[in-house]
Amino acid sequence: MPSKAIKESYSCKRRKDFVTGFAIIFFFLVVCFELYVVIWMPVQLQQKNMLETHTAREKLIRRFDSLRSVCNAMHASGKGFARGERLLVLRVLNIYAIYLRNNAEYMDINEIMELQRTLGRFEALVASWRRGKNCFIKLDFNLAPAMTALEKKNNL
C-alpha cells in the first residue's frame, strides 16, 4: 500500500461533479456496447442465418410443388415423345419432392441453392413446352432414295 505522501503527490484530486459522473457513465456504456458486439451480435446473426435458411427452404418446397402441379397438368396434353418427355420430368420432380420431404430440415443453404438452380432448369424446360418446343424430336427420314442409290451403285 502506498504511503500517504505518495498518494497526495500523485493521485488525482477530483471532486465529484457533472464531468466526472458523465465520464464514468460513458465508460460503462462503452464497456456494455463492446460486450454487446462480442457476445450478443453473433447470436443474433446466427439466428438471422437460420431464419434465411428456413425461408429459402420453404420457398424451394413451394416452388417444387407448383412446378409439379404444372407438369402434372401438362403431361396429359402431350402425345408421343412430348408426353414421354413431360412424364419423365414429372417423375424426376416427384423423386426430388420425396427427397425434399425427407431431408429438407437437414439441408444447408448451399444445397438449397443448388436445388434452386436445378428447379430453374426445369422451369425453363416447362416454358419451352409452352412455346411448343420439346427436347426430344422424332426425325422422319425417307430411306427409299438412299436404297435406290445403293442398288444402282451395286448393280442390284
Protein backbone atom coordinates (compact mmCIF):
# COMPACT_ATOMS: atom_id res chain seq x y z
CA MET A 1 0.00 0.00 0.00
CA PRO A 2 1.50 3.36 -0.99
CA SER A 3 2.23 5.86 1.69
CA LYS A 4 0.06 8.91 2.34
CA ALA A 5 2.72 11.27 0.94
CA ILE A 6 2.88 9.41 -2.38
CA LYS A 7 -0.91 9.37 -2.60
CA GLU A 8 -1.12 13.11 -2.06
CA SER A 9 1.51 13.95 -4.66
CA TYR A 10 0.46 11.56 -7.44
CA SER A 11 -3.25 10.88 -7.05
CA CYS A 12 -5.87 12.80 -8.95
CA LYS A 13 -7.59 15.25 -6.72
CA ARG A 14 -11.02 15.40 -8.27
CA ARG A 15 -14.22 16.38 -6.74
CA LYS A 16 -17.49 14.82 -7.71
CA ASP A 17 -19.06 16.94 -10.43
CA PHE A 18 -21.02 16.56 -13.70
CA VAL A 19 -17.99 15.81 -15.90
CA THR A 20 -16.74 13.03 -13.62
CA GLY A 21 -20.16 11.42 -13.47
CA PHE A 22 -20.52 11.69 -17.25
CA ALA A 23 -17.08 10.10 -17.78
CA ILE A 24 -17.94 7.17 -15.51
CA ILE A 25 -21.34 6.62 -17.17
CA PHE A 26 -19.78 6.91 -20.65
CA PHE A 27 -17.09 4.39 -19.70
CA PHE A 28 -19.69 1.84 -18.58
CA LEU A 29 -21.75 2.45 -21.74
CA VAL A 30 -18.69 1.76 -23.91
CA VAL A 31 -17.95 -1.45 -21.98
CA CYS A 32 -21.58 -2.59 -22.33
CA PHE A 33 -21.56 -1.86 -26.07
CA GLU A 34 -18.36 -3.86 -26.51
CA LEU A 35 -19.92 -6.79 -24.65
CA TYR A 36 -22.98 -6.50 -26.90
CA VAL A 37 -20.80 -6.59 -30.02
CA VAL A 38 -18.72 -9.51 -28.77
CA ILE A 39 -21.45 -11.68 -27.24
CA TRP A 40 -24.97 -10.78 -28.37
CA MET A 41 -24.46 -9.81 -32.03
CA PRO A 42 -23.06 -13.19 -33.14
CA VAL A 43 -26.09 -14.89 -31.58
CA GLN A 44 -28.42 -12.53 -33.45
CA LEU A 45 -26.59 -13.07 -36.75
CA GLN A 46 -26.75 -16.83 -36.33
CA GLN A 47 -30.50 -16.64 -35.73
CA LYS A 48 -30.86 -14.45 -38.82
CA ASN A 49 -28.96 -17.01 -40.92
CA MET A 50 -31.17 -19.79 -39.57
CA LEU A 51 -34.26 -17.76 -40.49
CA GLU A 52 -32.94 -17.12 -44.01
CA THR A 53 -32.21 -20.84 -44.47
CA HIS A 54 -35.69 -21.76 -43.26
CA THR A 55 -37.31 -19.19 -45.58
CA ALA A 56 -35.27 -20.39 -48.58
CA ARG A 57 -36.22 -23.98 -47.78
CA GLU A 58 -39.93 -23.15 -47.64
CA LYS A 59 -39.76 -21.19 -50.92
CA LEU A 60 -38.00 -24.12 -52.57
CA ILE A 61 -40.66 -26.57 -51.45
CA ARG A 62 -43.47 -24.29 -52.64
CA ARG A 63 -41.73 -23.80 -55.99
CA PHE A 64 -41.28 -27.56 -56.44
CA ASP A 65 -44.93 -28.20 -55.61
CA SER A 66 -46.20 -25.57 -58.03
CA LEU A 67 -43.94 -26.86 -60.83
CA ARG A 68 -45.10 -30.41 -60.16
CA SER A 69 -48.72 -29.35 -60.44
CA VAL A 70 -47.98 -27.56 -63.75
CA CYS A 71 -46.15 -30.61 -65.11
CA ASN A 72 -48.94 -32.88 -63.90
CA ALA A 73 -51.45 -30.84 -65.90
CA MET A 74 -49.19 -30.64 -68.96
CA HIS A 75 -48.13 -34.28 -69.28
CA ALA A 76 -51.63 -35.40 -70.21
CA SER A 77 -51.79 -32.92 -73.10
CA GLY A 78 -48.76 -34.21 -74.99
CA LYS A 79 -48.56 -37.10 -77.44
CA GLY A 80 -45.74 -39.42 -78.34
CA PHE A 81 -42.28 -38.14 -77.44
CA ALA A 82 -43.72 -34.94 -75.94
CA ARG A 83 -45.85 -36.87 -73.49
CA GLY A 84 -42.95 -39.17 -72.58
CA GLU A 85 -40.67 -36.19 -72.00
CA ARG A 86 -43.23 -34.49 -69.77
CA LEU A 87 -43.89 -37.68 -67.86
CA LEU A 88 -40.15 -38.20 -67.36
CA VAL A 89 -39.74 -34.68 -65.95
CA LEU A 90 -42.78 -35.13 -63.71
CA ARG A 91 -41.35 -38.36 -62.29
CA VAL A 92 -37.98 -36.73 -61.65
CA LEU A 93 -39.74 -33.86 -59.87
CA ASN A 94 -41.69 -36.38 -57.79
CA ILE A 95 -38.44 -38.05 -56.75
CA TYR A 96 -36.99 -34.65 -55.81
CA ALA A 97 -40.15 -33.89 -53.83
CA ILE A 98 -39.80 -37.12 -51.84
CA TYR A 99 -36.17 -36.24 -51.15
CA LEU A 100 -37.17 -32.75 -50.03
CA ARG A 101 -39.89 -34.04 -47.71
CA ASN A 102 -37.48 -36.45 -46.03
CA ASN A 103 -34.33 -34.28 -45.89
CA ALA A 104 -35.37 -30.63 -46.07
CA GLU A 105 -34.60 -29.86 -42.43
CA TYR A 106 -31.06 -31.21 -42.80
CA MET A 107 -30.18 -29.17 -45.89
CA ASP A 108 -27.86 -26.19 -45.65
CA ILE A 109 -28.09 -23.05 -47.76
CA ASN A 110 -25.65 -24.33 -50.42
CA GLU A 111 -27.73 -27.45 -51.06
CA ILE A 112 -30.89 -25.34 -51.20
CA MET A 113 -29.31 -23.01 -53.75
CA GLU A 114 -28.20 -25.99 -55.86
CA LEU A 115 -31.74 -27.32 -55.92
CA GLN A 116 -33.00 -23.82 -56.79
CA ARG A 117 -30.72 -23.83 -59.85
CA THR A 118 -31.93 -27.31 -60.83
CA LEU A 119 -35.51 -26.17 -60.44
CA GLY A 120 -34.76 -23.16 -62.64
CA ARG A 121 -33.62 -25.51 -65.41
CA PHE A 122 -36.85 -27.49 -65.12
CA GLU A 123 -38.87 -24.26 -65.21
CA ALA A 124 -37.07 -23.25 -68.40
CA LEU A 125 -37.95 -26.64 -69.87
CA VAL A 126 -41.63 -26.15 -68.98
CA ALA A 127 -41.53 -22.68 -70.54
CA SER A 128 -40.18 -24.21 -73.76
CA TRP A 129 -43.05 -26.72 -73.72
CA ARG A 130 -45.49 -23.84 -73.54
CA ARG A 131 -43.88 -22.41 -76.65
CA GLY A 132 -44.35 -25.76 -78.37
CA LYS A 133 -40.72 -26.89 -78.30
CA ASN A 134 -39.67 -30.26 -76.93
CA CYS A 135 -36.24 -31.68 -76.22
CA PHE A 136 -36.88 -34.96 -77.99
CA ILE A 137 -37.81 -34.59 -81.62
CA LYS A 138 -38.62 -37.57 -83.79
CA LEU A 139 -36.92 -37.12 -87.11
CA ASP A 140 -38.58 -38.83 -90.02
CA PHE A 141 -36.44 -39.61 -92.98
CA ASN A 142 -37.10 -41.41 -96.20
CA LEU A 143 -34.84 -44.38 -96.88
CA ALA A 144 -36.20 -45.11 -100.35
CA PRO A 145 -33.90 -42.70 -102.28
CA ALA A 146 -30.88 -43.95 -100.37
CA MET A 147 -31.78 -47.55 -101.03
CA THR A 148 -32.26 -46.95 -104.77
CA ALA A 149 -28.92 -45.14 -104.92
CA LEU A 150 -27.22 -48.08 -103.22
CA GLU A 151 -28.93 -50.52 -105.51
CA LYS A 152 -27.78 -48.60 -108.60
CA LYS A 153 -24.26 -48.33 -107.25
CA ASN A 154 -24.05 -52.06 -106.55
CA ASN A 155 -25.95 -53.05 -109.69
CA LEU A 156 -28.71 -54.82 -107.85
